[in-house]
Amino acid sequence: MQDLWLLKHDASIAARDPLRDGARPVAAWRAWRSVEGGLSYAYASGEIPPFIDASGDGVSCHRLRCLQALDGASAGQLAAYHYVVETDVLPEYEDDLNAWYAQEHLPGLASVPGTVRAARYIDAAGSPRYYACYDLASPDALGSPAWLAVRATAWSARVRPAFRNTWRTMFRAV
């Protein structure tokens, strides 16, 4: 399991694009752009922030600690898509959320054909606090009967109402 740095860039509110001209990567990184809208995410590993001058309107850098990472049913295939669910959770549901993700939800979605990799992260200093990231061979995996079945469990129905500040975004590799 590998901790990551996440550089978020929202072109809809920023005057510059740090993936092109503001921040200079000093480590290996992988970039994604949202399918809809001007949001970009770039990930890098390492102990120190891999971007210099990554602050400004619409730009933020986050340290993500890996909680869980699983190879998916389609491990080894090219992951051209990256689906991210970011959320906070009501404090009284935090233990249930973590157990649900670890025991049922992440393993279930990793087992769906088209899922290359599934991982969970926590941003201890930010909000949203939890990130679930799915590398996908195709965006069609999200609407597949197998994916929808994992999302429709009784445990999912119990945990999901405790989500707050939730964002779901589909990205395409840059």
N, C-alpha and C. Protein backbone atom coordinates (compact mmCIF):
# COMPACT_ATOMS: atom_id res chain seq x y z
N MET A 1 0.85 -1.18 0.00
CA MET A 1 0.00 0.00 0.00
C MET A 1 0.89 1.23 0.00
N GLN A 2 0.52 2.19 -0.82
CA GLN A 2 1.37 3.35 -1.01
C GLN A 2 0.60 4.64 -0.73
N ASP A 3 1.17 5.48 0.15
CA ASP A 3 0.61 6.80 0.38
C ASP A 3 0.90 7.66 -0.85
N LEU A 4 0.06 8.66 -1.06
CA LEU A 4 0.17 9.50 -2.25
C LEU A 4 0.01 10.97 -1.90
N TRP A 5 0.52 11.79 -2.78
CA TRP A 5 0.20 13.21 -2.81
C TRP A 5 -0.82 13.40 -3.92
N LEU A 6 -1.83 14.21 -3.65
CA LEU A 6 -2.86 14.53 -4.64
C LEU A 6 -2.85 16.02 -4.89
N LEU A 7 -2.66 16.40 -6.14
CA LEU A 7 -2.79 17.80 -6.56
C LEU A 7 -4.13 17.92 -7.25
N LYS A 8 -5.01 18.76 -6.70
CA LYS A 8 -6.32 19.02 -7.30
C LYS A 8 -6.26 20.37 -7.99
N HIS A 9 -6.82 20.42 -9.19
CA HIS A 9 -6.88 21.68 -9.94
C HIS A 9 -8.27 21.81 -10.53
N ASP A 10 -8.95 22.90 -10.20
CA ASP A 10 -10.28 23.16 -10.74
C ASP A 10 -10.17 24.35 -11.70
N ALA A 11 -10.16 24.05 -13.00
CA ALA A 11 -9.99 25.09 -14.02
C ALA A 11 -11.15 26.07 -14.04
N SER A 12 -12.30 25.67 -13.50
CA SER A 12 -13.45 26.57 -13.53
C SER A 12 -13.27 27.77 -12.60
N ILE A 13 -12.35 27.67 -11.62
CA ILE A 13 -12.14 28.80 -10.71
C ILE A 13 -10.68 29.24 -10.66
N ALA A 14 -9.82 28.65 -11.48
CA ALA A 14 -8.40 28.99 -11.45
C ALA A 14 -7.98 29.73 -12.71
N ALA A 15 -7.03 30.61 -12.54
CA ALA A 15 -6.53 31.39 -13.67
C ALA A 15 -5.40 30.68 -14.40
N ARG A 16 -4.82 29.65 -13.80
CA ARG A 16 -3.70 28.95 -14.42
C ARG A 16 -3.88 27.45 -14.26
N ASP A 17 -3.13 26.69 -15.01
CA ASP A 17 -3.17 25.24 -14.96
C ASP A 17 -1.84 24.74 -14.42
N PRO A 18 -1.79 24.31 -13.15
CA PRO A 18 -0.51 23.89 -12.57
C PRO A 18 0.03 22.62 -13.22
N LEU A 19 -0.81 21.86 -13.89
CA LEU A 19 -0.32 20.66 -14.56
C LEU A 19 0.47 21.04 -15.81
N ARG A 20 0.34 22.29 -16.24
CA ARG A 20 1.07 22.73 -17.43
C ARG A 20 2.15 23.75 -17.10
N ASP A 21 1.82 24.76 -16.24
CA ASP A 21 2.78 25.85 -16.13
C ASP A 21 3.10 26.34 -14.73
N GLY A 22 2.35 26.01 -13.70
CA GLY A 22 2.63 26.57 -12.39
C GLY A 22 3.46 25.66 -11.53
N ALA A 23 3.01 24.45 -11.32
CA ALA A 23 3.75 23.50 -10.48
C ALA A 23 4.63 22.65 -11.37
N ARG A 24 5.82 22.48 -10.96
CA ARG A 24 6.75 21.64 -11.71
C ARG A 24 6.91 20.30 -11.00
N PRO A 25 6.50 19.21 -11.62
CA PRO A 25 6.63 17.92 -10.95
C PRO A 25 8.10 17.58 -10.72
N VAL A 26 8.39 17.12 -9.51
CA VAL A 26 9.75 16.70 -9.20
C VAL A 26 9.79 15.21 -8.88
N ALA A 27 8.71 14.51 -9.14
CA ALA A 27 8.65 13.06 -8.95
C ALA A 27 7.70 12.49 -9.99
N ALA A 28 7.74 11.18 -10.16
CA ALA A 28 6.82 10.54 -11.10
C ALA A 28 5.39 10.79 -10.66
N TRP A 29 4.52 11.10 -11.59
CA TRP A 29 3.14 11.38 -11.25
C TRP A 29 2.23 10.91 -12.36
N ARG A 30 0.95 10.76 -12.06
CA ARG A 30 -0.04 10.36 -13.04
C ARG A 30 -1.19 11.34 -12.99
N ALA A 31 -1.60 11.85 -14.14
CA ALA A 31 -2.62 12.90 -14.20
C ALA A 31 -3.90 12.39 -14.85
N TRP A 32 -5.02 12.94 -14.36
CA TRP A 32 -6.35 12.59 -14.85
C TRP A 32 -7.16 13.88 -14.99
N ARG A 33 -8.00 13.95 -16.01
CA ARG A 33 -8.93 15.09 -16.18
C ARG A 33 -10.36 14.55 -16.14
N SER A 34 -11.23 15.31 -15.48
CA SER A 34 -12.61 14.85 -15.35
C SER A 34 -13.27 14.79 -16.73
N VAL A 35 -14.13 13.82 -16.88
CA VAL A 35 -14.85 13.64 -18.14
C VAL A 35 -15.78 14.83 -18.38
N GLU A 36 -16.39 15.34 -17.31
CA GLU A 36 -17.26 16.51 -17.40
C GLU A 36 -16.66 17.60 -16.52
N GLY A 37 -16.45 18.78 -17.05
CA GLY A 37 -15.93 19.87 -16.25
C GLY A 37 -14.44 20.04 -16.36
N GLY A 38 -13.89 20.97 -15.58
CA GLY A 38 -12.49 21.33 -15.69
C GLY A 38 -11.61 20.84 -14.56
N LEU A 39 -12.04 19.80 -13.85
CA LEU A 39 -11.29 19.29 -12.72
C LEU A 39 -10.17 18.36 -13.17
N SER A 40 -8.97 18.53 -12.60
CA SER A 40 -7.83 17.65 -12.87
C SER A 40 -7.26 17.17 -11.55
N TYR A 41 -6.85 15.91 -11.52
CA TYR A 41 -6.15 15.34 -10.36
C TYR A 41 -4.83 14.78 -10.86
N ALA A 42 -3.78 14.98 -10.08
CA ALA A 42 -2.48 14.37 -10.37
C ALA A 42 -1.98 13.74 -9.08
N TYR A 43 -1.49 12.51 -9.18
CA TYR A 43 -1.01 11.75 -8.02
C TYR A 43 0.48 11.51 -8.14
N ALA A 44 1.16 11.54 -7.00
CA ALA A 44 2.59 11.22 -6.95
C ALA A 44 2.90 10.58 -5.60
N SER A 45 3.90 9.74 -5.59
CA SER A 45 4.33 9.13 -4.34
C SER A 45 5.53 9.91 -3.82
N GLY A 46 5.94 9.60 -2.61
CA GLY A 46 7.11 10.25 -2.02
C GLY A 46 6.79 10.86 -0.68
N GLU A 47 7.82 11.12 0.09
CA GLU A 47 7.65 11.67 1.43
C GLU A 47 7.43 13.18 1.43
N ILE A 48 7.98 13.87 0.45
CA ILE A 48 7.82 15.32 0.40
C ILE A 48 6.88 15.67 -0.75
N PRO A 49 6.19 16.79 -0.67
CA PRO A 49 5.29 17.16 -1.76
C PRO A 49 6.04 17.20 -3.09
N PRO A 50 5.53 16.53 -4.12
CA PRO A 50 6.23 16.47 -5.40
C PRO A 50 6.01 17.69 -6.28
N PHE A 51 5.26 18.67 -5.80
CA PHE A 51 4.97 19.85 -6.61
C PHE A 51 5.47 21.08 -5.91
N ILE A 52 6.04 21.97 -6.66
CA ILE A 52 6.50 23.24 -6.15
C ILE A 52 5.50 24.30 -6.61
N ASP A 53 5.14 25.22 -5.73
CA ASP A 53 4.20 26.30 -6.07
C ASP A 53 2.87 25.73 -6.52
N ALA A 54 2.29 24.86 -5.71
CA ALA A 54 1.01 24.25 -6.05
C ALA A 54 -0.15 24.91 -5.32
N SER A 55 0.03 26.12 -4.86
CA SER A 55 -1.06 26.80 -4.17
C SER A 55 -1.65 27.88 -5.08
N GLY A 56 -2.85 28.26 -4.78
CA GLY A 56 -3.50 29.31 -5.55
C GLY A 56 -4.96 29.00 -5.75
N ASP A 57 -5.68 29.91 -6.36
CA ASP A 57 -7.11 29.73 -6.60
C ASP A 57 -7.35 28.46 -7.39
N GLY A 58 -8.17 27.58 -6.83
CA GLY A 58 -8.55 26.37 -7.53
C GLY A 58 -7.50 25.28 -7.50
N VAL A 59 -6.41 25.46 -6.74
CA VAL A 59 -5.34 24.48 -6.69
C VAL A 59 -5.09 24.10 -5.23
N SER A 60 -5.02 22.80 -4.96
CA SER A 60 -4.71 22.36 -3.60
C SER A 60 -3.91 21.06 -3.65
N CYS A 61 -3.07 20.87 -2.65
CA CYS A 61 -2.24 19.68 -2.55
C CYS A 61 -2.61 18.96 -1.26
N HIS A 62 -2.85 17.65 -1.32
CA HIS A 62 -3.30 16.86 -0.19
C HIS A 62 -2.42 15.63 -0.02
N ARG A 63 -2.15 15.28 1.24
CA ARG A 63 -1.43 14.05 1.55
C ARG A 63 -2.46 12.97 1.84
N LEU A 64 -2.47 11.91 1.05
CA LEU A 64 -3.42 10.81 1.21
C LEU A 64 -2.71 9.58 1.77
N ARG A 65 -3.20 9.08 2.89
CA ARG A 65 -2.64 7.87 3.49
C ARG A 65 -3.47 6.68 3.02
N CYS A 66 -2.82 5.67 2.49
CA CYS A 66 -3.52 4.50 1.95
C CYS A 66 -4.06 3.64 3.08
N LEU A 67 -5.35 3.33 3.02
CA LEU A 67 -6.00 2.46 3.99
C LEU A 67 -6.14 1.03 3.47
N GLN A 68 -6.31 0.89 2.16
CA GLN A 68 -6.57 -0.42 1.57
C GLN A 68 -6.35 -0.31 0.06
N ALA A 69 -5.74 -1.32 -0.54
CA ALA A 69 -5.56 -1.36 -1.99
C ALA A 69 -5.71 -2.80 -2.46
N LEU A 70 -6.49 -2.99 -3.51
CA LEU A 70 -6.77 -4.33 -4.03
C LEU A 70 -6.63 -4.36 -5.55
N ASP A 71 -6.04 -5.41 -6.06
CA ASP A 71 -6.08 -5.63 -7.50
C ASP A 71 -7.52 -5.97 -7.87
N GLY A 72 -7.93 -5.50 -9.04
CA GLY A 72 -9.29 -5.74 -9.48
C GLY A 72 -9.40 -6.97 -10.36
N ALA A 73 -10.62 -7.29 -10.74
CA ALA A 73 -10.90 -8.43 -11.62
C ALA A 73 -10.19 -8.29 -12.96
N SER A 74 -9.94 -7.06 -13.37
CA SER A 74 -9.27 -6.80 -14.64
C SER A 74 -7.84 -6.29 -14.45
N ALA A 75 -7.21 -6.71 -13.36
CA ALA A 75 -5.81 -6.32 -13.10
C ALA A 75 -4.96 -6.70 -14.29
N GLY A 76 -4.05 -5.82 -14.64
CA GLY A 76 -3.18 -6.06 -15.79
C GLY A 76 -3.66 -5.37 -17.05
N GLN A 77 -4.93 -5.00 -17.12
CA GLN A 77 -5.44 -4.25 -18.26
C GLN A 77 -5.10 -2.77 -18.09
N LEU A 78 -5.14 -2.03 -19.17
CA LEU A 78 -4.92 -0.59 -19.13
C LEU A 78 -6.10 0.08 -18.43
N ALA A 79 -5.81 0.92 -17.46
CA ALA A 79 -6.84 1.68 -16.76
C ALA A 79 -6.91 3.06 -17.39
N ALA A 80 -7.82 3.24 -18.31
CA ALA A 80 -7.98 4.53 -18.99
C ALA A 80 -8.89 5.48 -18.22
N TYR A 81 -9.59 4.95 -17.20
CA TYR A 81 -10.53 5.76 -16.42
C TYR A 81 -10.23 5.61 -14.94
N HIS A 82 -10.58 6.65 -14.21
CA HIS A 82 -10.32 6.71 -12.77
C HIS A 82 -11.56 7.32 -12.13
N TYR A 83 -12.27 6.53 -11.33
CA TYR A 83 -13.50 6.99 -10.67
C TYR A 83 -13.19 7.23 -9.20
N VAL A 84 -13.53 8.42 -8.70
CA VAL A 84 -13.22 8.79 -7.33
C VAL A 84 -14.50 9.18 -6.59
N VAL A 85 -14.67 8.60 -5.40
CA VAL A 85 -15.73 9.00 -4.49
C VAL A 85 -15.05 9.60 -3.27
N GLU A 86 -15.33 10.88 -3.01
CA GLU A 86 -14.76 11.59 -1.87
C GLU A 86 -15.90 11.89 -0.91
N THR A 87 -15.68 11.65 0.39
CA THR A 87 -16.74 11.92 1.33
C THR A 87 -16.23 12.12 2.75
N ASP A 88 -17.00 12.85 3.51
CA ASP A 88 -16.88 12.86 4.95
C ASP A 88 -18.00 11.96 5.46
N VAL A 89 -17.97 11.62 6.73
CA VAL A 89 -19.00 10.77 7.30
C VAL A 89 -19.32 11.28 8.71
N LEU A 90 -20.55 11.12 9.12
CA LEU A 90 -20.92 11.51 10.48
C LEU A 90 -20.04 10.73 11.46
N PRO A 91 -19.54 11.39 12.51
CA PRO A 91 -18.58 10.74 13.42
C PRO A 91 -19.09 9.42 14.00
N GLU A 92 -20.36 9.32 14.30
CA GLU A 92 -20.89 8.10 14.91
C GLU A 92 -20.95 6.92 13.92
N TYR A 93 -20.72 7.19 12.63
CA TYR A 93 -20.73 6.13 11.60
C TYR A 93 -19.33 5.78 11.09
N GLU A 94 -18.31 6.44 11.63
CA GLU A 94 -16.96 6.26 11.09
C GLU A 94 -16.47 4.81 11.17
N ASP A 95 -16.67 4.15 12.30
CA ASP A 95 -16.24 2.75 12.42
C ASP A 95 -17.00 1.85 11.46
N ASP A 96 -18.31 2.09 11.33
CA ASP A 96 -19.14 1.29 10.42
C ASP A 96 -18.72 1.52 8.97
N LEU A 97 -18.44 2.77 8.61
CA LEU A 97 -17.99 3.08 7.25
C LEU A 97 -16.70 2.33 6.93
N ASN A 98 -15.74 2.38 7.83
CA ASN A 98 -14.46 1.73 7.58
C ASN A 98 -14.59 0.22 7.50
N ALA A 99 -15.42 -0.37 8.35
CA ALA A 99 -15.66 -1.82 8.29
C ALA A 99 -16.37 -2.19 6.99
N TRP A 100 -17.36 -1.40 6.59
CA TRP A 100 -18.10 -1.65 5.35
C TRP A 100 -17.18 -1.61 4.14
N TYR A 101 -16.35 -0.58 4.06
CA TYR A 101 -15.41 -0.49 2.94
C TYR A 101 -14.43 -1.66 2.95
N ALA A 102 -13.85 -1.97 4.10
CA ALA A 102 -12.81 -2.99 4.18
C ALA A 102 -13.35 -4.40 3.93
N GLN A 103 -14.52 -4.70 4.44
CA GLN A 103 -15.04 -6.07 4.39
C GLN A 103 -15.96 -6.35 3.21
N GLU A 104 -16.71 -5.33 2.77
CA GLU A 104 -17.71 -5.59 1.73
C GLU A 104 -17.53 -4.74 0.48
N HIS A 105 -17.53 -3.45 0.64
CA HIS A 105 -17.68 -2.56 -0.51
C HIS A 105 -16.47 -2.56 -1.43
N LEU A 106 -15.28 -2.28 -0.91
CA LEU A 106 -14.10 -2.23 -1.78
C LEU A 106 -13.80 -3.60 -2.40
N PRO A 107 -13.81 -4.70 -1.62
CA PRO A 107 -13.58 -6.01 -2.25
C PRO A 107 -14.65 -6.34 -3.31
N GLY A 108 -15.90 -5.96 -3.03
CA GLY A 108 -16.97 -6.23 -3.99
C GLY A 108 -16.79 -5.48 -5.29
N LEU A 109 -16.45 -4.19 -5.22
CA LEU A 109 -16.26 -3.41 -6.44
C LEU A 109 -14.97 -3.80 -7.16
N ALA A 110 -13.95 -4.22 -6.41
CA ALA A 110 -12.72 -4.70 -7.04
C ALA A 110 -12.98 -5.96 -7.86
N SER A 111 -13.95 -6.76 -7.45
CA SER A 111 -14.24 -8.02 -8.14
C SER A 111 -15.09 -7.85 -9.40
N VAL A 112 -15.53 -6.64 -9.69
CA VAL A 112 -16.36 -6.38 -10.87
C VAL A 112 -15.48 -6.38 -12.12
N PRO A 113 -15.86 -7.10 -13.17
CA PRO A 113 -15.11 -7.05 -14.44
C PRO A 113 -15.01 -5.59 -14.93
N GLY A 114 -13.81 -5.21 -15.32
CA GLY A 114 -13.55 -3.84 -15.74
C GLY A 114 -12.81 -3.04 -14.69
N THR A 115 -12.82 -3.51 -13.43
CA THR A 115 -12.07 -2.84 -12.37
C THR A 115 -10.63 -3.35 -12.39
N VAL A 116 -9.69 -2.45 -12.61
CA VAL A 116 -8.28 -2.79 -12.66
C VAL A 116 -7.68 -2.76 -11.25
N ARG A 117 -8.08 -1.75 -10.47
CA ARG A 117 -7.57 -1.59 -9.11
C ARG A 117 -8.57 -0.78 -8.31
N ALA A 118 -8.67 -1.08 -7.01
CA ALA A 118 -9.51 -0.32 -6.09
C ALA A 118 -8.69 0.01 -4.86
N ALA A 119 -8.79 1.26 -4.39
CA ALA A 119 -8.00 1.68 -3.23
C ALA A 119 -8.77 2.72 -2.43
N ARG A 120 -8.46 2.76 -1.15
CA ARG A 120 -9.04 3.75 -0.24
C ARG A 120 -7.94 4.54 0.42
N TYR A 121 -8.22 5.83 0.62
CA TYR A 121 -7.27 6.74 1.23
C TYR A 121 -7.97 7.62 2.24
N ILE A 122 -7.18 8.19 3.14
CA ILE A 122 -7.71 9.17 4.08
C ILE A 122 -6.83 10.41 4.02
N ASP A 123 -7.48 11.56 4.03
CA ASP A 123 -6.80 12.86 4.11
C ASP A 123 -7.08 13.37 5.52
N ALA A 124 -6.16 13.09 6.44
CA ALA A 124 -6.37 13.41 7.85
C ALA A 124 -6.50 14.91 8.10
N ALA A 125 -5.98 15.73 7.19
CA ALA A 125 -5.98 17.18 7.39
C ALA A 125 -7.04 17.89 6.55
N GLY A 126 -7.80 17.16 5.74
CA GLY A 126 -8.69 17.84 4.81
C GLY A 126 -10.13 17.37 4.87
N SER A 127 -10.90 17.95 4.01
CA SER A 127 -12.30 17.58 3.83
C SER A 127 -12.61 17.77 2.36
N PRO A 128 -13.17 16.74 1.72
CA PRO A 128 -13.56 15.45 2.25
C PRO A 128 -12.36 14.65 2.79
N ARG A 129 -12.66 13.83 3.77
CA ARG A 129 -11.62 13.07 4.46
C ARG A 129 -11.31 11.73 3.80
N TYR A 130 -12.33 11.06 3.29
CA TYR A 130 -12.15 9.73 2.70
C TYR A 130 -12.22 9.77 1.18
N TYR A 131 -11.33 9.00 0.54
CA TYR A 131 -11.28 8.88 -0.91
C TYR A 131 -11.34 7.39 -1.26
N ALA A 132 -12.25 7.02 -2.13
CA ALA A 132 -12.27 5.67 -2.71
C ALA A 132 -11.99 5.85 -4.20
N CYS A 133 -10.95 5.17 -4.68
CA CYS A 133 -10.48 5.36 -6.05
C CYS A 133 -10.52 4.03 -6.79
N TYR A 134 -11.12 4.06 -7.98
CA TYR A 134 -11.27 2.86 -8.79
C TYR A 134 -10.67 3.12 -10.16
N ASP A 135 -9.63 2.38 -10.51
CA ASP A 135 -9.06 2.45 -11.85
C ASP A 135 -9.84 1.46 -12.70
N LEU A 136 -10.36 1.94 -13.83
CA LEU A 136 -11.28 1.15 -14.65
C LEU A 136 -10.78 1.04 -16.08
N ALA A 137 -10.99 -0.11 -16.67
CA ALA A 137 -10.67 -0.31 -18.08
C ALA A 137 -11.68 0.44 -18.95
N SER A 138 -12.91 0.56 -18.45
CA SER A 138 -13.98 1.23 -19.18
C SER A 138 -14.94 1.86 -18.17
N PRO A 139 -15.53 3.00 -18.50
CA PRO A 139 -16.51 3.58 -17.58
C PRO A 139 -17.79 2.75 -17.49
N ASP A 140 -17.97 1.82 -18.41
CA ASP A 140 -19.16 0.98 -18.41
C ASP A 140 -19.24 0.09 -17.18
N ALA A 141 -18.14 -0.14 -16.51
CA ALA A 141 -18.15 -0.97 -15.29
C ALA A 141 -19.11 -0.39 -14.25
N LEU A 142 -19.22 0.94 -14.18
CA LEU A 142 -20.08 1.58 -13.18
C LEU A 142 -21.55 1.23 -13.33
N GLY A 143 -22.01 1.03 -14.53
CA GLY A 143 -23.42 0.71 -14.75
C GLY A 143 -23.70 -0.77 -14.90
N SER A 144 -22.67 -1.59 -14.73
CA SER A 144 -22.85 -3.03 -14.92
C SER A 144 -23.70 -3.63 -13.80
N PRO A 145 -24.40 -4.72 -14.09
CA PRO A 145 -25.19 -5.38 -13.04
C PRO A 145 -24.34 -5.77 -11.82
N ALA A 146 -23.10 -6.20 -12.04
CA ALA A 146 -22.24 -6.59 -10.91
C ALA A 146 -21.93 -5.40 -10.01
N TRP A 147 -21.60 -4.25 -10.61
CA TRP A 147 -21.29 -3.03 -9.83
C TRP A 147 -22.53 -2.58 -9.06
N LEU A 148 -23.67 -2.55 -9.74
CA LEU A 148 -24.90 -2.09 -9.10
C LEU A 148 -25.32 -3.02 -7.96
N ALA A 149 -25.07 -4.31 -8.08
CA ALA A 149 -25.39 -5.26 -7.02
C ALA A 149 -24.57 -4.98 -5.76
N VAL A 150 -23.30 -4.65 -5.93
CA VAL A 150 -22.45 -4.34 -4.77
C VAL A 150 -22.95 -3.07 -4.09
N ARG A 151 -23.41 -2.12 -4.85
CA ARG A 151 -23.91 -0.85 -4.29
C ARG A 151 -25.26 -1.00 -3.60
N ALA A 152 -25.98 -2.10 -3.86
CA ALA A 152 -27.36 -2.24 -3.40
C ALA A 152 -27.51 -3.16 -2.18
N THR A 153 -26.46 -3.34 -1.40
CA THR A 153 -26.56 -4.23 -0.24
C THR A 153 -27.23 -3.51 0.94
N ALA A 154 -27.67 -4.30 1.90
CA ALA A 154 -28.28 -3.73 3.11
C ALA A 154 -27.27 -2.88 3.89
N TRP A 155 -26.02 -3.33 3.92
CA TRP A 155 -24.99 -2.57 4.63
C TRP A 155 -24.75 -1.23 3.93
N SER A 156 -24.75 -1.23 2.61
CA SER A 156 -24.60 0.02 1.86
C SER A 156 -25.74 0.99 2.19
N ALA A 157 -26.96 0.46 2.25
CA ALA A 157 -28.12 1.30 2.55
C ALA A 157 -28.03 1.90 3.96
N ARG A 158 -27.40 1.19 4.87
CA ARG A 158 -27.26 1.69 6.24
C ARG A 158 -26.18 2.77 6.35
N VAL A 159 -25.07 2.61 5.62
CA VAL A 159 -23.93 3.52 5.75
C VAL A 159 -24.08 4.78 4.91
N ARG A 160 -24.56 4.65 3.70
CA ARG A 160 -24.56 5.77 2.75
C ARG A 160 -25.28 7.03 3.25
N PRO A 161 -26.39 6.93 4.01
CA PRO A 161 -27.03 8.17 4.50
C PRO A 161 -26.15 9.00 5.45
N ALA A 162 -25.08 8.40 5.99
CA ALA A 162 -24.19 9.13 6.88
C ALA A 162 -23.11 9.91 6.12
N PHE A 163 -23.06 9.77 4.80
CA PHE A 163 -22.10 10.51 3.98
C PHE A 163 -22.45 12.00 4.02
N ARG A 164 -21.42 12.82 4.06
CA ARG A 164 -21.57 14.27 3.98
C ARG A 164 -20.49 14.80 3.04
N ASN A 165 -20.76 15.93 2.38
CA ASN A 165 -19.76 16.58 1.52
C ASN A 165 -19.21 15.58 0.50
N THR A 166 -20.09 14.89 -0.19
CA THR A 166 -19.71 13.80 -1.08
C THR A 166 -19.59 14.28 -2.53
N TRP A 167 -18.51 13.83 -3.17
CA TRP A 167 -18.25 14.13 -4.58
C TRP A 167 -17.95 12.83 -5.30
N ARG A 168 -18.55 12.63 -6.46
CA ARG A 168 -18.25 11.47 -7.31
C ARG A 168 -17.82 12.00 -8.66
N THR A 169 -16.63 11.60 -9.11
CA THR A 169 -16.09 12.14 -10.35
C THR A 169 -15.44 11.04 -11.17
N MET A 170 -15.75 11.03 -12.47
CA MET A 170 -15.10 10.13 -13.42
C MET A 170 -14.03 10.91 -14.14
N PHE A 171 -12.82 10.37 -14.16
CA PHE A 171 -11.69 10.99 -14.82
C PHE A 171 -11.22 10.10 -15.97
N ARG A 172 -10.54 10.71 -16.91
CA ARG A 172 -9.91 10.01 -18.02
C ARG A 172 -8.41 10.31 -17.97
N ALA A 173 -7.58 9.32 -18.29
CA ALA A 173 -6.15 9.52 -18.24
C ALA A 173 -5.72 10.64 -19.17
N VAL A 174 -4.75 11.44 -18.72
CA VAL A 174 -4.19 12.53 -19.53
C VAL A 174 -3.04 11.97 -20.32
